[in-house]
Amino acid sequence: MVIKQGKIVAKEGKLINEPKIGQYPDFLSSTIKLAPELSPDAFAIKAEGSVVK
């Protein structure tokens, strides 16, 4: 169960109600600058073995 501001917002892994979409100033939507050639492979973490701790 997830409670936000005193109200249940999720239960048993499912949303109870759709969250409200916040209104943010335009300048906040361009605060992260990523190279255009960035791909999912750039986030890969190489690991050896088959056990996760």
PDB file of N, CA and C in Angstrom:
ATOM      1  N   MET A   1       0.851  -1.171   0.000  1.00  0.00           N
ATOM      2  CA  MET A   1       0.000   0.000   0.000  1.00  0.00           C
ATOM      3  C   MET A   1       0.898   1.235   0.000  1.00  0.00           C
ATOM      4  N   VAL A   2       0.539   2.202  -0.817  1.00  0.00           N
ATOM      5  CA  VAL A   2       1.281   3.455  -0.883  1.00  0.00           C
ATOM      6  C   VAL A   2       0.337   4.579  -0.477  1.00  0.00           C
ATOM      7  N   ILE A   3       0.808   5.384   0.474  1.00  0.00           N
ATOM      8  CA  ILE A   3       0.006   6.500   0.967  1.00  0.00           C
ATOM      9  C   ILE A   3       0.742   7.791   0.653  1.00  0.00           C
ATOM     10  N   LYS A   4       0.032   8.734   0.058  1.00  0.00           N
ATOM     11  CA  LYS A   4       0.605  10.042  -0.247  1.00  0.00           C
ATOM     12  C   LYS A   4      -0.322  11.109   0.304  1.00  0.00           C
ATOM     13  N   GLN A   5       0.239  11.971   1.092  1.00  0.00           N
ATOM     14  CA  GLN A   5      -0.517  13.062   1.716  1.00  0.00           C
ATOM     15  C   GLN A   5      -1.777  12.547   2.408  1.00  0.00           C
ATOM     16  N   GLY A   6      -1.636  11.403   3.109  1.00  0.00           N
ATOM     17  CA  GLY A   6      -2.735  10.854   3.897  1.00  0.00           C
ATOM     18  C   GLY A   6      -3.769  10.072   3.116  1.00  0.00           C
ATOM     19  N   LYS A   7      -3.571   9.864   1.820  1.00  0.00           N
ATOM     20  CA  LYS A   7      -4.535   9.128   1.002  1.00  0.00           C
ATOM     21  C   LYS A   7      -3.859   7.930   0.355  1.00  0.00           C
ATOM     22  N   ILE A   8      -4.593   6.825   0.244  1.00  0.00           N
ATOM     23  CA  ILE A   8      -4.070   5.633  -0.410  1.00  0.00           C
ATOM     24  C   ILE A   8      -4.054   5.889  -1.916  1.00  0.00           C
ATOM     25  N   VAL A   9      -2.871   5.755  -2.527  1.00  0.00           N
ATOM     26  CA  VAL A   9      -2.755   5.995  -3.962  1.00  0.00           C
ATOM     27  C   VAL A   9      -2.473   4.708  -4.741  1.00  0.00           C
ATOM     28  N   ALA A  10      -1.975   3.672  -4.051  1.00  0.00           N
ATOM     29  CA  ALA A  10      -1.731   2.383  -4.695  1.00  0.00           C
ATOM     30  C   ALA A  10      -1.922   1.273  -3.683  1.00  0.00           C
ATOM     31  N   LYS A  11      -2.434   0.149  -4.162  1.00  0.00           N
ATOM     32  CA  LYS A  11      -2.675  -0.985  -3.282  1.00  0.00           C
ATOM     33  C   LYS A  11      -2.477  -2.259  -4.092  1.00  0.00           C
ATOM     34  N   GLU A  12      -1.726  -3.201  -3.527  1.00  0.00           N
ATOM     35  CA  GLU A  12      -1.437  -4.476  -4.173  1.00  0.00           C
ATOM     36  C   GLU A  12      -0.851  -4.286  -5.571  1.00  0.00           C
ATOM     37  N   GLY A  13       0.038  -3.297  -5.706  1.00  0.00           N
ATOM     38  CA  GLY A  13       0.728  -3.064  -6.962  1.00  0.00           C
ATOM     39  C   GLY A  13      -0.067  -2.340  -8.027  1.00  0.00           C
ATOM     40  N   LYS A  14      -1.247  -1.829  -7.694  1.00  0.00           N
ATOM     41  CA  LYS A  14      -2.073  -1.138  -8.680  1.00  0.00           C
ATOM     42  C   LYS A  14      -2.463   0.242  -8.177  1.00  0.00           C
ATOM     43  N   LEU A  15      -2.514   1.205  -9.128  1.00  0.00           N
ATOM     44  CA  LEU A  15      -2.946   2.559  -8.777  1.00  0.00           C
ATOM     45  C   LEU A  15      -4.422   2.571  -8.419  1.00  0.00           C
ATOM     46  N   ILE A  16      -4.777   3.326  -7.411  1.00  0.00           N
ATOM     47  CA  ILE A  16      -6.178   3.495  -7.039  1.00  0.00           C
ATOM     48  C   ILE A  16      -6.811   4.550  -7.954  1.00  0.00           C
ATOM     49  N   ASN A  17      -6.132   5.662  -8.145  1.00  0.00           N
ATOM     50  CA  ASN A  17      -6.585   6.756  -9.016  1.00  0.00           C
ATOM     51  C   ASN A  17      -5.415   7.200  -9.873  1.00  0.00           C
ATOM     52  N   GLU A  18      -5.700   7.763 -11.030  1.00  0.00           N
ATOM     53  CA  GLU A  18      -4.632   8.310 -11.864  1.00  0.00           C
ATOM     54  C   GLU A  18      -4.021   9.515 -11.151  1.00  0.00           C
ATOM     55  N   PRO A  19      -2.682   9.618 -11.171  1.00  0.00           N
ATOM     56  CA  PRO A  19      -2.045  10.772 -10.521  1.00  0.00           C
ATOM     57  C   PRO A  19      -2.303  12.053 -11.309  1.00  0.00           C
ATOM     58  N   LYS A  20      -2.324  13.158 -10.595  1.00  0.00           N
ATOM     59  CA  LYS A  20      -2.487  14.461 -11.238  1.00  0.00           C
ATOM     60  C   LYS A  20      -1.171  14.822 -11.931  1.00  0.00           C
ATOM     61  N   ILE A  21      -1.278  15.369 -13.110  1.00  0.00           N
ATOM     62  CA  ILE A  21      -0.096  15.810 -13.842  1.00  0.00           C
ATOM     63  C   ILE A  21       0.203  17.243 -13.421  1.00  0.00           C
ATOM     64  N   GLY A  22       1.411  17.447 -12.913  1.00  0.00           N
ATOM     65  CA  GLY A  22       1.793  18.777 -12.451  1.00  0.00           C
ATOM     66  C   GLY A  22       2.066  19.726 -13.594  1.00  0.00           C
ATOM     67  N   GLN A  23       1.907  20.975 -13.326  1.00  0.00           N
ATOM     68  CA  GLN A  23       2.227  22.024 -14.290  1.00  0.00           C
ATOM     69  C   GLN A  23       3.576  22.613 -13.897  1.00  0.00           C
ATOM     70  N   TYR A  24       4.530  22.537 -14.813  1.00  0.00           N
ATOM     71  CA  TYR A  24       5.870  23.022 -14.525  1.00  0.00           C
ATOM     72  C   TYR A  24       6.277  24.060 -15.557  1.00  0.00           C
ATOM     73  N   PRO A  25       7.097  25.025 -15.161  1.00  0.00           N
ATOM     74  CA  PRO A  25       7.563  26.035 -16.109  1.00  0.00           C
ATOM     75  C   PRO A  25       8.360  25.379 -17.244  1.00  0.00           C
ATOM     76  N   ASP A  26       8.306  25.954 -18.430  1.00  0.00           N
ATOM     77  CA  ASP A  26       8.986  25.412 -19.602  1.00  0.00           C
ATOM     78  C   ASP A  26      10.485  25.219 -19.381  1.00  0.00           C
ATOM     79  N   PHE A  27      11.123  26.128 -18.625  1.00  0.00           N
ATOM     80  CA  PHE A  27      12.568  26.021 -18.471  1.00  0.00           C
ATOM     81  C   PHE A  27      12.985  24.737 -17.749  1.00  0.00           C
ATOM     82  N   LEU A  28      12.091  24.117 -17.005  1.00  0.00           N
ATOM     83  CA  LEU A  28      12.427  22.873 -16.316  1.00  0.00           C
ATOM     84  C   LEU A  28      12.482  21.673 -17.253  1.00  0.00           C
ATOM     85  N   SER A  29      11.860  21.771 -18.409  1.00  0.00           N
ATOM     86  CA  SER A  29      11.853  20.627 -19.323  1.00  0.00           C
ATOM     87  C   SER A  29      13.138  20.502 -20.125  1.00  0.00           C
ATOM     88  N   SER A  30      14.033  21.440 -20.015  1.00  0.00           N
ATOM     89  CA  SER A  30      15.295  21.359 -20.755  1.00  0.00           C
ATOM     90  C   SER A  30      16.494  21.469 -19.814  1.00  0.00           C
ATOM     91  N   THR A  31      16.402  20.873 -18.647  1.00  0.00           N
ATOM     92  CA  THR A  31      17.486  20.982 -17.671  1.00  0.00           C
ATOM     93  C   THR A  31      18.522  19.876 -17.799  1.00  0.00           C
ATOM     94  N   ILE A  32      18.184  18.785 -18.470  1.00  0.00           N
ATOM     95  CA  ILE A  32      19.131  17.686 -18.655  1.00  0.00           C
ATOM     96  C   ILE A  32      19.527  17.656 -20.123  1.00  0.00           C
ATOM     97  N   LYS A  33      20.818  17.722 -20.372  1.00  0.00           N
ATOM     98  CA  LYS A  33      21.317  17.725 -21.739  1.00  0.00           C
ATOM     99  C   LYS A  33      22.063  16.414 -21.988  1.00  0.00           C
ATOM    100  N   LEU A  34      21.524  15.577 -22.877  1.00  0.00           N
ATOM    101  CA  LEU A  34      22.153  14.311 -23.224  1.00  0.00           C
ATOM    102  C   LEU A  34      22.613  14.363 -24.664  1.00  0.00           C
ATOM    103  N   ALA A  35      23.720  13.681 -24.924  1.00  0.00           N
ATOM    104  CA  ALA A  35      24.210  13.614 -26.294  1.00  0.00           C
ATOM    105  C   ALA A  35      23.192  12.879 -27.160  1.00  0.00           C
ATOM    106  N   PRO A  36      22.942  13.343 -28.372  1.00  0.00           N
ATOM    107  CA  PRO A  36      21.925  12.700 -29.227  1.00  0.00           C
ATOM    108  C   PRO A  36      22.262  11.261 -29.576  1.00  0.00           C
ATOM    109  N   GLU A  37      23.539  10.886 -29.555  1.00  0.00           N
ATOM    110  CA  GLU A  37      23.906   9.519 -29.911  1.00  0.00           C
ATOM    111  C   GLU A  37      23.833   8.558 -28.718  1.00  0.00           C
ATOM    112  N   LEU A  38      23.354   9.017 -27.596  1.00  0.00           N
ATOM    113  CA  LEU A  38      23.230   8.175 -26.409  1.00  0.00           C
ATOM    114  C   LEU A  38      22.204   7.080 -26.655  1.00  0.00           C
ATOM    115  N   SER A  39      22.595   5.830 -26.375  1.00  0.00           N
ATOM    116  CA  SER A  39      21.702   4.695 -26.602  1.00  0.00           C
ATOM    117  C   SER A  39      21.543   3.904 -25.308  1.00  0.00           C
ATOM    118  N   PRO A  40      20.609   2.972 -25.260  1.00  0.00           N
ATOM    119  CA  PRO A  40      20.446   2.146 -24.057  1.00  0.00           C
ATOM    120  C   PRO A  40      21.722   1.408 -23.669  1.00  0.00           C
ATOM    121  N   ASP A  41      22.557   1.065 -24.654  1.00  0.00           N
ATOM    122  CA  ASP A  41      23.820   0.378 -24.354  1.00  0.00           C
ATOM    123  C   ASP A  41      24.751   1.223 -23.488  1.00  0.00           C
ATOM    124  N   ALA A  42      24.606   2.533 -23.538  1.00  0.00           N
ATOM    125  CA  ALA A  42      25.443   3.412 -22.732  1.00  0.00           C
ATOM    126  C   ALA A  42      25.174   3.220 -21.240  1.00  0.00           C
ATOM    127  N   PHE A  43      24.019   2.658 -20.903  1.00  0.00           N
ATOM    128  CA  PHE A  43      23.658   2.459 -19.500  1.00  0.00           C
ATOM    129  C   PHE A  43      23.914   1.033 -19.022  1.00  0.00           C
ATOM    130  N   ALA A  44      24.422   0.174 -19.895  1.00  0.00           N
ATOM    131  CA  ALA A  44      24.676  -1.220 -19.539  1.00  0.00           C
ATOM    132  C   ALA A  44      25.817  -1.299 -18.526  1.00  0.00           C
ATOM    133  N   ILE A  45      25.660  -2.185 -17.566  1.00  0.00           N
ATOM    134  CA  ILE A  45      26.691  -2.407 -16.556  1.00  0.00           C
ATOM    135  C   ILE A  45      27.181  -3.834 -16.729  1.00  0.00           C
ATOM    136  N   LYS A  46      28.461  -3.976 -17.044  1.00  0.00           N
ATOM    137  CA  LYS A  46      29.027  -5.303 -17.247  1.00  0.00           C
ATOM    138  C   LYS A  46      29.229  -5.978 -15.897  1.00  0.00           C
ATOM    139  N   ALA A  47      28.870  -7.252 -15.840  1.00  0.00           N
ATOM    140  CA  ALA A  47      29.024  -8.017 -14.594  1.00  0.00           C
ATOM    141  C   ALA A  47      29.375  -9.447 -14.954  1.00  0.00           C
ATOM    142  N   GLU A  48      30.049 -10.093 -14.048  1.00  0.00           N
ATOM    143  CA  GLU A  48      30.397 -11.483 -14.240  1.00  0.00           C
ATOM    144  C   GLU A  48      29.600 -12.344 -13.280  1.00  0.00           C
ATOM    145  N   GLY A  49      29.381 -13.595 -13.655  1.00  0.00           N
ATOM    146  CA  GLY A  49      28.647 -14.522 -12.781  1.00  0.00           C
ATOM    147  C   GLY A  49      27.165 -14.439 -12.981  1.00  0.00           C
ATOM    148  N   SER A  50      26.445 -15.238 -12.192  1.00  0.00           N
ATOM    149  CA  SER A  50      25.002 -15.294 -12.350  1.00  0.00           C
ATOM    150  C   SER A  50      24.263 -15.041 -11.036  1.00  0.00           C
ATOM    151  N   VAL A  51      24.972 -14.552 -10.020  1.00  0.00           N
ATOM    152  CA  VAL A  51      24.360 -14.320  -8.713  1.00  0.00           C
ATOM    153  C   VAL A  51      24.245 -12.815  -8.470  1.00  0.00           C
ATOM    154  N   VAL A  52      23.089 -12.394  -8.001  1.00  0.00           N
ATOM    155  CA  VAL A  52      22.862 -11.000  -7.659  1.00  0.00           C
ATOM    156  C   VAL A  52      22.715 -10.891  -6.156  1.00  0.00           C
ATOM    157  N   LYS A  53      23.400  -9.936  -5.566  1.00  0.00           N
ATOM    158  CA  LYS A  53      23.303  -9.762  -4.115  1.00  0.00           C
ATOM    159  C   LYS A  53      22.518  -8.514  -3.806  1.00  0.00           C
TER     160      LYS A  53
END
